[in-house]
PDB file of all heavy atoms in Angstrom:
ATOM      1  N   ALA A   1       0.826  -1.207   0.000  1.00  0.00           N
ATOM      2  CA  ALA A   1       0.000   0.000   0.000  1.00  0.00           C
ATOM      3  C   ALA A   1       0.863   1.262   0.000  1.00  0.00           C
ATOM      4  O   ALA A   1       0.577   2.231  -0.720  1.00  0.00           O
ATOM      5  CB  ALA A   1      -0.929   0.001   1.218  1.00  0.00           C
ATOM      6  N   GLN A   2       1.948   1.256   0.799  1.00  0.00           N
ATOM      7  CA  GLN A   2       2.807   2.440   0.915  1.00  0.00           C
ATOM      8  C   GLN A   2       3.587   2.714  -0.367  1.00  0.00           C
ATOM      9  O   GLN A   2       3.893   3.863  -0.694  1.00  0.00           O
ATOM     10  CB  GLN A   2       3.784   2.258   2.088  1.00  0.00           C
ATOM     11  CG  GLN A   2       3.099   2.300   3.448  1.00  0.00           C
ATOM     12  CD  GLN A   2       3.998   1.784   4.572  1.00  0.00           C
ATOM     13  OE1 GLN A   2       5.160   1.398   4.337  1.00  0.00           O
ATOM     14  NE2 GLN A   2       3.468   1.752   5.794  1.00  0.00           N
ATOM     15  N   THR A   3       3.911   1.668  -1.109  1.00  0.00           N
ATOM     16  CA  THR A   3       4.732   1.811  -2.321  1.00  0.00           C
ATOM     17  C   THR A   3       3.898   1.827  -3.606  1.00  0.00           C
ATOM     18  O   THR A   3       4.476   1.877  -4.702  1.00  0.00           O
ATOM     19  CB  THR A   3       5.763   0.666  -2.401  1.00  0.00           C
ATOM     20  OG1 THR A   3       5.062  -0.594  -2.448  1.00  0.00           O
ATOM     21  CG2 THR A   3       6.713   0.709  -1.213  1.00  0.00           C
ATOM     22  N   ASN A   4       2.554   1.776  -3.459  1.00  0.00           N
ATOM     23  CA  ASN A   4       1.685   1.716  -4.657  1.00  0.00           C
ATOM     24  C   ASN A   4       2.143   0.602  -5.602  1.00  0.00           C
ATOM     25  O   ASN A   4       2.241   0.792  -6.820  1.00  0.00           O
ATOM     26  CB  ASN A   4       1.681   3.057  -5.401  1.00  0.00           C
ATOM     27  CG  ASN A   4       0.995   4.143  -4.605  1.00  0.00           C
ATOM     28  OD1 ASN A   4       0.030   3.894  -3.889  1.00  0.00           O
ATOM     29  ND2 ASN A   4       1.496   5.366  -4.708  1.00  0.00           N
ATOM     30  N   ALA A   5       2.396  -0.535  -5.009  1.00  0.00           N
ATOM     31  CA  ALA A   5       3.017  -1.640  -5.749  1.00  0.00           C
ATOM     32  C   ALA A   5       2.179  -2.147  -6.919  1.00  0.00           C
ATOM     33  O   ALA A   5       2.728  -2.711  -7.872  1.00  0.00           O
ATOM     34  CB  ALA A   5       3.300  -2.796  -4.782  1.00  0.00           C
ATOM     35  N   PHE A   6       0.859  -1.943  -6.835  1.00  0.00           N
ATOM     36  CA  PHE A   6       0.002  -2.545  -7.852  1.00  0.00           C
ATOM     37  C   PHE A   6      -0.559  -1.530  -8.846  1.00  0.00           C
ATOM     38  O   PHE A   6      -1.456  -1.865  -9.634  1.00  0.00           O
ATOM     39  CB  PHE A   6      -1.134  -3.314  -7.181  1.00  0.00           C
ATOM     40  CG  PHE A   6      -0.646  -4.341  -6.187  1.00  0.00           C
ATOM     41  CD1 PHE A   6      -1.240  -4.466  -4.940  1.00  0.00           C
ATOM     42  CD2 PHE A   6       0.435  -5.160  -6.498  1.00  0.00           C
ATOM     43  CE1 PHE A   6      -0.778  -5.404  -4.022  1.00  0.00           C
ATOM     44  CE2 PHE A   6       0.898  -6.098  -5.592  1.00  0.00           C
ATOM     45  CZ  PHE A   6       0.294  -6.227  -4.347  1.00  0.00           C
ATOM     46  N   GLU A   7      -0.061  -0.292  -8.767  1.00  0.00           N
ATOM     47  CA  GLU A   7      -0.499   0.709  -9.740  1.00  0.00           C
ATOM     48  C   GLU A   7       0.305   0.543 -11.029  1.00  0.00           C
ATOM     49  O   GLU A   7       1.501   0.227 -10.978  1.00  0.00           O
ATOM     50  CB  GLU A   7      -0.304   2.122  -9.187  1.00  0.00           C
ATOM     51  CG  GLU A   7      -1.039   2.389  -7.888  1.00  0.00           C
ATOM     52  CD  GLU A   7      -2.524   2.080  -7.968  1.00  0.00           C
ATOM     53  OE1 GLU A   7      -3.143   2.433  -8.990  1.00  0.00           O
ATOM     54  OE2 GLU A   7      -3.055   1.482  -7.012  1.00  0.00           O
ATOM     55  N   PRO A   8      -0.313   0.742 -12.189  1.00  0.00           N
ATOM     56  CA  PRO A   8       0.440   0.651 -13.441  1.00  0.00           C
ATOM     57  C   PRO A   8       1.605   1.639 -13.447  1.00  0.00           C
ATOM     58  O   PRO A   8       1.518   2.740 -12.904  1.00  0.00           O
ATOM     59  CB  PRO A   8      -0.598   1.015 -14.503  1.00  0.00           C
ATOM     60  CG  PRO A   8      -1.913   0.726 -13.868  1.00  0.00           C
ATOM     61  CD  PRO A   8      -1.730   1.023 -12.409  1.00  0.00           C
ATOM     62  N   SER A   9       2.699   1.231 -14.075  1.00  0.00           N
ATOM     63  CA  SER A   9       3.890   2.069 -14.156  1.00  0.00           C
ATOM     64  C   SER A   9       3.711   3.158 -15.213  1.00  0.00           C
ATOM     65  O   SER A   9       2.945   2.995 -16.173  1.00  0.00           O
ATOM     66  CB  SER A   9       5.093   1.190 -14.516  1.00  0.00           C
ATOM     67  OG  SER A   9       6.194   1.985 -14.872  1.00  0.00           O
ATOM     68  N   GLN A  10       4.402   4.268 -15.022  1.00  0.00           N
ATOM     69  CA  GLN A  10       4.399   5.326 -16.026  1.00  0.00           C
ATOM     70  C   GLN A  10       5.451   5.049 -17.114  1.00  0.00           C
ATOM     71  O   GLN A  10       5.606   5.852 -18.041  1.00  0.00           O
ATOM     72  CB  GLN A  10       4.694   6.676 -15.357  1.00  0.00           C
ATOM     73  CG  GLN A  10       3.621   7.128 -14.378  1.00  0.00           C
ATOM     74  CD  GLN A  10       2.260   7.272 -15.036  1.00  0.00           C
ATOM     75  OE1 GLN A  10       2.132   7.908 -16.079  1.00  0.00           O
ATOM     76  NE2 GLN A  10       1.245   6.645 -14.439  1.00  0.00           N
ATOM     77  N   ASP A  11       6.134   3.925 -16.994  1.00  0.00           N
ATOM     78  CA  ASP A  11       7.126   3.534 -18.006  1.00  0.00           C
ATOM     79  C   ASP A  11       6.400   2.860 -19.168  1.00  0.00           C
ATOM     80  O   ASP A  11       6.126   1.661 -19.138  1.00  0.00           O
ATOM     81  CB  ASP A  11       8.153   2.580 -17.374  1.00  0.00           C
ATOM     82  CG  ASP A  11       9.238   2.167 -18.366  1.00  0.00           C
ATOM     83  OD1 ASP A  11       9.174   2.617 -19.536  1.00  0.00           O
ATOM     84  OD2 ASP A  11      10.129   1.399 -17.980  1.00  0.00           O
ATOM     85  N   PHE A  12       6.098   3.643 -20.204  1.00  0.00           N
ATOM     86  CA  PHE A  12       5.295   3.117 -21.309  1.00  0.00           C
ATOM     87  C   PHE A  12       6.116   2.327 -22.326  1.00  0.00           C
ATOM     88  O   PHE A  12       5.597   1.921 -23.362  1.00  0.00           O
ATOM     89  CB  PHE A  12       4.553   4.264 -21.988  1.00  0.00           C
ATOM     90  CG  PHE A  12       3.559   4.940 -21.082  1.00  0.00           C
ATOM     91  CD1 PHE A  12       3.733   6.251 -20.686  1.00  0.00           C
ATOM     92  CD2 PHE A  12       2.467   4.239 -20.591  1.00  0.00           C
ATOM     93  CE1 PHE A  12       2.827   6.862 -19.822  1.00  0.00           C
ATOM     94  CE2 PHE A  12       1.563   4.834 -19.735  1.00  0.00           C
ATOM     95  CZ  PHE A  12       1.736   6.147 -19.349  1.00  0.00           C
ATOM     96  N   SER A  13       7.404   2.137 -22.020  1.00  0.00           N
ATOM     97  CA  SER A  13       8.212   1.290 -22.903  1.00  0.00           C
ATOM     98  C   SER A  13       7.948  -0.192 -22.638  1.00  0.00           C
ATOM     99  O   SER A  13       8.257  -1.049 -23.468  1.00  0.00           O
ATOM    100  CB  SER A  13       9.701   1.600 -22.698  1.00  0.00           C
ATOM    101  OG  SER A  13      10.105   1.240 -21.371  1.00  0.00           O
ATOM    102  N   LYS A  14       7.353  -0.481 -21.480  1.00  0.00           N
ATOM    103  CA  LYS A  14       7.050  -1.870 -21.138  1.00  0.00           C
ATOM    104  C   LYS A  14       5.848  -2.370 -21.950  1.00  0.00           C
ATOM    105  O   LYS A  14       4.941  -1.595 -22.263  1.00  0.00           O
ATOM    106  CB  LYS A  14       6.708  -1.990 -19.650  1.00  0.00           C
ATOM    107  CG  LYS A  14       7.862  -1.810 -18.693  1.00  0.00           C
ATOM    108  CD  LYS A  14       7.372  -2.049 -17.265  1.00  0.00           C
ATOM    109  CE  LYS A  14       8.499  -1.995 -16.265  1.00  0.00           C
ATOM    110  NZ  LYS A  14       8.003  -2.276 -14.890  1.00  0.00           N
ATOM    111  N   PRO A  15       5.798  -3.660 -22.247  1.00  0.00           N
ATOM    112  CA  PRO A  15       4.585  -4.211 -22.884  1.00  0.00           C
ATOM    113  C   PRO A  15       3.425  -4.158 -21.896  1.00  0.00           C
ATOM    114  O   PRO A  15       3.617  -4.348 -20.693  1.00  0.00           O
ATOM    115  CB  PRO A  15       4.977  -5.656 -23.211  1.00  0.00           C
ATOM    116  CG  PRO A  15       6.080  -5.982 -22.249  1.00  0.00           C
ATOM    117  CD  PRO A  15       6.833  -4.689 -22.033  1.00  0.00           C
ATOM    118  N   LYS A  16       2.241  -3.869 -22.411  1.00  0.00           N
ATOM    119  CA  LYS A  16       1.071  -3.681 -21.533  1.00  0.00           C
ATOM    120  C   LYS A  16       0.301  -4.988 -21.363  1.00  0.00           C
ATOM    121  O   LYS A  16       0.234  -5.816 -22.270  1.00  0.00           O
ATOM    122  CB  LYS A  16       0.136  -2.612 -22.108  1.00  0.00           C
ATOM    123  CG  LYS A  16       0.770  -1.246 -22.318  1.00  0.00           C
ATOM    124  CD  LYS A  16      -0.284  -0.258 -22.806  1.00  0.00           C
ATOM    125  CE  LYS A  16       0.337   1.078 -23.165  1.00  0.00           C
ATOM    126  NZ  LYS A  16       1.092   0.997 -24.441  1.00  0.00           N
ATOM    127  N   LYS A  17      -0.319  -5.131 -20.193  1.00  0.00           N
ATOM    128  CA  LYS A  17      -1.194  -6.276 -19.925  1.00  0.00           C
ATOM    129  C   LYS A  17      -2.388  -5.777 -19.101  1.00  0.00           C
ATOM    130  O   LYS A  17      -2.210  -5.200 -18.027  1.00  0.00           O
ATOM    131  CB  LYS A  17      -0.451  -7.363 -19.161  1.00  0.00           C
ATOM    132  CG  LYS A  17      -1.284  -8.619 -18.893  1.00  0.00           C
ATOM    133  CD  LYS A  17      -1.500  -9.444 -20.148  1.00  0.00           C
ATOM    134  CE  LYS A  17      -0.243 -10.158 -20.562  1.00  0.00           C
ATOM    135  NZ  LYS A  17      -0.482 -11.094 -21.686  1.00  0.00           N
ATOM    136  N   TYR A  18      -3.594  -5.995 -19.649  1.00  0.00           N
ATOM    137  CA  TYR A  18      -4.835  -5.578 -18.955  1.00  0.00           C
ATOM    138  C   TYR A  18      -5.546  -6.836 -18.482  1.00  0.00           C
ATOM    139  O   TYR A  18      -5.929  -7.682 -19.302  1.00  0.00           O
ATOM    140  CB  TYR A  18      -5.705  -4.785 -19.930  1.00  0.00           C
ATOM    141  CG  TYR A  18      -7.045  -4.332 -19.396  1.00  0.00           C
ATOM    142  CD1 TYR A  18      -7.174  -3.774 -18.137  1.00  0.00           C
ATOM    143  CD2 TYR A  18      -8.193  -4.443 -20.183  1.00  0.00           C
ATOM    144  CE1 TYR A  18      -8.398  -3.340 -17.660  1.00  0.00           C
ATOM    145  CE2 TYR A  18      -9.424  -4.007 -19.721  1.00  0.00           C
ATOM    146  CZ  TYR A  18      -9.530  -3.463 -18.465  1.00  0.00           C
ATOM    147  OH  TYR A  18     -10.745  -3.029 -17.993  1.00  0.00           O
ATOM    148  N   ILE A  19      -5.708  -6.990 -17.178  1.00  0.00           N
ATOM    149  CA  ILE A  19      -6.331  -8.194 -16.612  1.00  0.00           C
ATOM    150  C   ILE A  19      -7.540  -7.768 -15.792  1.00  0.00           C
ATOM    151  O   ILE A  19      -7.415  -7.124 -14.746  1.00  0.00           O
ATOM    152  CB  ILE A  19      -5.325  -8.978 -15.740  1.00  0.00           C
ATOM    153  CG1 ILE A  19      -4.147  -9.441 -16.617  1.00  0.00           C
ATOM    154  CG2 ILE A  19      -6.006 -10.171 -15.073  1.00  0.00           C
ATOM    155  CD1 ILE A  19      -3.036 -10.112 -15.847  1.00  0.00           C
ATOM    156  N   LEU A  20      -8.716  -8.133 -16.287  1.00  0.00           N
ATOM    157  CA  LEU A  20      -9.971  -7.729 -15.643  1.00  0.00           C
ATOM    158  C   LEU A  20     -10.810  -8.952 -15.314  1.00  0.00           C
ATOM    159  O   LEU A  20     -11.116  -9.755 -16.194  1.00  0.00           O
ATOM    160  CB  LEU A  20     -10.762  -6.795 -16.567  1.00  0.00           C
ATOM    161  CG  LEU A  20     -12.141  -6.358 -16.059  1.00  0.00           C
ATOM    162  CD1 LEU A  20     -11.995  -5.443 -14.850  1.00  0.00           C
ATOM    163  CD2 LEU A  20     -12.927  -5.666 -17.165  1.00  0.00           C
ATOM    164  N   SER A  21     -11.169  -9.090 -14.046  1.00  0.00           N
ATOM    165  CA  SER A  21     -12.105 -10.139 -13.634  1.00  0.00           C
ATOM    166  C   SER A  21     -13.508  -9.554 -13.573  1.00  0.00           C
ATOM    167  O   SER A  21     -13.685  -8.345 -13.476  1.00  0.00           O
ATOM    168  CB  SER A  21     -11.712 -10.683 -12.252  1.00  0.00           C
ATOM    169  OG  SER A  21     -10.417 -11.240 -12.284  1.00  0.00           O
ATOM    170  N   MET A  22     -14.507 -10.426 -13.633  1.00  0.00           N
ATOM    171  CA  MET A  22     -15.896  -9.975 -13.567  1.00  0.00           C
ATOM    172  C   MET A  22     -16.129  -9.190 -12.272  1.00  0.00           C
ATOM    173  O   MET A  22     -15.729  -9.631 -11.192  1.00  0.00           O
ATOM    174  CB  MET A  22     -16.825 -11.188 -13.609  1.00  0.00           C
ATOM    175  CG  MET A  22     -18.304 -10.845 -13.595  1.00  0.00           C
ATOM    176  SD  MET A  22     -19.333 -12.322 -13.793  1.00  0.00           S
ATOM    177  CE  MET A  22     -18.965 -13.214 -12.287  1.00  0.00           C
ATOM    178  N   LEU A  23     -16.773  -8.038 -12.394  1.00  0.00           N
ATOM    179  CA  LEU A  23     -16.991  -7.197 -11.219  1.00  0.00           C
ATOM    180  C   LEU A  23     -18.014  -7.850 -10.288  1.00  0.00           C
ATOM    181  O   LEU A  23     -19.047  -8.347 -10.735  1.00  0.00           O
ATOM    182  CB  LEU A  23     -17.492  -5.814 -11.642  1.00  0.00           C
ATOM    183  CG  LEU A  23     -16.608  -5.033 -12.615  1.00  0.00           C
ATOM    184  CD1 LEU A  23     -17.194  -3.639 -12.840  1.00  0.00           C
ATOM    185  CD2 LEU A  23     -15.180  -4.940 -12.119  1.00  0.00           C
ATOM    186  N   PRO A  24     -17.759  -7.821  -8.968  1.00  0.00           N
ATOM    187  CA  PRO A  24     -18.707  -8.430  -8.035  1.00  0.00           C
ATOM    188  C   PRO A  24     -19.908  -7.527  -7.775  1.00  0.00           C
ATOM    189  O   PRO A  24     -19.815  -6.302  -7.907  1.00  0.00           O
ATOM    190  CB  PRO A  24     -17.878  -8.582  -6.753  1.00  0.00           C
ATOM    191  CG  PRO A  24     -16.932  -7.423  -6.809  1.00  0.00           C
ATOM    192  CD  PRO A  24     -16.591  -7.258  -8.274  1.00  0.00           C
ATOM    193  N   TYR A  25     -21.016  -8.160  -7.396  1.00  0.00           N
ATOM    194  CA  TYR A  25     -22.171  -7.385  -6.948  1.00  0.00           C
ATOM    195  C   TYR A  25     -22.087  -7.274  -5.423  1.00  0.00           C
ATOM    196  O   TYR A  25     -22.013  -8.300  -4.736  1.00  0.00           O
ATOM    197  CB  TYR A  25     -23.492  -8.045  -7.356  1.00  0.00           C
ATOM    198  CG  TYR A  25     -24.611  -7.062  -7.196  1.00  0.00           C
ATOM    199  CD1 TYR A  25     -24.978  -6.238  -8.231  1.00  0.00           C
ATOM    200  CD2 TYR A  25     -25.223  -6.872  -5.954  1.00  0.00           C
ATOM    201  CE1 TYR A  25     -25.949  -5.263  -8.071  1.00  0.00           C
ATOM    202  CE2 TYR A  25     -26.183  -5.906  -5.773  1.00  0.00           C
ATOM    203  CZ  TYR A  25     -26.546  -5.107  -6.835  1.00  0.00           C
ATOM    204  OH  TYR A  25     -27.493  -4.135  -6.665  1.00  0.00           O
ATOM    205  N   PRO A  26     -22.059  -6.074  -4.865  1.00  0.00           N
ATOM    206  CA  PRO A  26     -21.876  -5.918  -3.411  1.00  0.00           C
ATOM    207  C   PRO A  26     -23.153  -6.171  -2.622  1.00  0.00           C
ATOM    208  O   PRO A  26     -23.710  -5.275  -2.004  1.00  0.00           O
ATOM    209  CB  PRO A  26     -21.399  -4.471  -3.275  1.00  0.00           C
ATOM    210  CG  PRO A  26     -22.040  -3.767  -4.422  1.00  0.00           C
ATOM    211  CD  PRO A  26     -22.086  -4.752  -5.543  1.00  0.00           C
ATOM    212  N   SER A  27     -23.612  -7.411  -2.662  1.00  0.00           N
ATOM    213  CA  SER A  27     -24.854  -7.756  -1.969  1.00  0.00           C
ATOM    214  C   SER A  27     -24.595  -8.288  -0.566  1.00  0.00           C
ATOM    215  O   SER A  27     -25.522  -8.645   0.155  1.00  0.00           O
ATOM    216  CB  SER A  27     -25.616  -8.807  -2.783  1.00  0.00           C
ATOM    217  OG  SER A  27     -24.794  -9.933  -3.022  1.00  0.00           O
ATOM    218  N   GLY A  28     -23.347  -8.369  -0.164  1.00  0.00           N
ATOM    219  CA  GLY A  28     -23.009  -8.882   1.159  1.00  0.00           C
ATOM    220  C   GLY A  28     -21.500  -8.955   1.292  1.00  0.00           C
ATOM    221  O   GLY A  28     -20.780  -8.178   0.672  1.00  0.00           O
ATOM    222  N   GLU A  29     -21.032  -9.917   2.051  1.00  0.00           N
ATOM    223  CA  GLU A  29     -19.599 -10.066   2.232  1.00  0.00           C
ATOM    224  C   GLU A  29     -19.025 -10.994   1.163  1.00  0.00           C
ATOM    225  O   GLU A  29     -19.765 -11.673   0.446  1.00  0.00           O
ATOM    226  CB  GLU A  29     -19.313 -10.607   3.644  1.00  0.00           C
ATOM    227  CG  GLU A  29     -19.777  -9.648   4.752  1.00  0.00           C
ATOM    228  CD  GLU A  29     -19.505 -10.182   6.142  1.00  0.00           C
ATOM    229  OE1 GLU A  29     -19.027 -11.329   6.247  1.00  0.00           O
ATOM    230  OE2 GLU A  29     -19.760  -9.459   7.118  1.00  0.00           O
ATOM    231  N   VAL A  30     -17.696 -11.032   1.096  1.00  0.00           N
ATOM    232  CA  VAL A  30     -17.017 -11.891   0.125  1.00  0.00           C
ATOM    233  C   VAL A  30     -17.290 -13.357   0.460  1.00  0.00           C
ATOM    234  O   VAL A  30     -17.218 -13.760   1.627  1.00  0.00           O
ATOM    235  CB  VAL A  30     -15.498 -11.607   0.138  1.00  0.00           C
ATOM    236  CG1 VAL A  30     -14.736 -12.659  -0.659  1.00  0.00           C
ATOM    237  CG2 VAL A  30     -15.225 -10.212  -0.414  1.00  0.00           C
ATOM    238  N   HIS A  31     -17.605 -14.152  -0.556  1.00  0.00           N
ATOM    239  CA  HIS A  31     -17.821 -15.591  -0.343  1.00  0.00           C
ATOM    240  C   HIS A  31     -16.791 -16.377  -1.157  1.00  0.00           C
ATOM    241  O   HIS A  31     -15.986 -15.812  -1.906  1.00  0.00           O
ATOM    242  CB  HIS A  31     -19.254 -15.996  -0.690  1.00  0.00           C
ATOM    243  CG  HIS A  31     -19.683 -15.591  -2.072  1.00  0.00           C
ATOM    244  ND1 HIS A  31     -19.161 -16.144  -3.217  1.00  0.00           N
ATOM    245  CD2 HIS A  31     -20.608 -14.679  -2.474  1.00  0.00           C
ATOM    246  CE1 HIS A  31     -19.737 -15.613  -4.270  1.00  0.00           C
ATOM    247  NE2 HIS A  31     -20.607 -14.706  -3.856  1.00  0.00           N
ATOM    248  N   MET A  32     -16.816 -17.688  -1.044  1.00  0.00           N
ATOM    249  CA  MET A  32     -15.778 -18.509  -1.668  1.00  0.00           C
ATOM    250  C   MET A  32     -15.809 -18.424  -3.195  1.00  0.00           C
ATOM    251  O   MET A  32     -14.775 -18.605  -3.851  1.00  0.00           O
ATOM    252  CB  MET A  32     -15.923 -19.970  -1.224  1.00  0.00           C
ATOM    253  CG  MET A  32     -15.417 -20.220   0.183  1.00  0.00           C
ATOM    254  SD  MET A  32     -13.731 -19.585   0.485  1.00  0.00           S
ATOM    255  CE  MET A  32     -12.797 -20.530  -0.705  1.00  0.00           C
ATOM    256  N   GLY A  33     -16.966 -18.143  -3.761  1.00  0.00           N
ATOM    257  CA  GLY A  33     -17.028 -17.956  -5.211  1.00  0.00           C
ATOM    258  C   GLY A  33     -16.202 -16.759  -5.647  1.00  0.00           C
ATOM    259  O   GLY A  33     -15.498 -16.807  -6.665  1.00  0.00           O
ATOM    260  N   HIS A  34     -16.270 -15.676  -4.849  1.00  0.00           N
ATOM    261  CA  HIS A  34     -15.438 -14.510  -5.127  1.00  0.00           C
ATOM    262  C   HIS A  34     -13.950 -14.876  -4.996  1.00  0.00           C
ATOM    263  O   HIS A  34     -13.124 -14.503  -5.844  1.00  0.00           O
ATOM    264  CB  HIS A  34     -15.741 -13.372  -4.139  1.00  0.00           C
ATOM    265  CG  HIS A  34     -17.097 -12.755  -4.306  1.00  0.00           C
ATOM    266  ND1 HIS A  34     -17.991 -12.633  -3.266  1.00  0.00           N
ATOM    267  CD2 HIS A  34     -17.708 -12.221  -5.391  1.00  0.00           C
ATOM    268  CE1 HIS A  34     -19.088 -12.046  -3.700  1.00  0.00           C
ATOM    269  NE2 HIS A  34     -18.949 -11.783  -4.986  1.00  0.00           N
TER     270      HIS A  34
END
């Protein structure tokens, strides 16, 4: 969290990868399916 480790880099020379999972519906707490 302190190092923003999971934010995309501003180094645009790197090859890009976009990974998107299906968005959850916030109807309660996280379950094993999530």
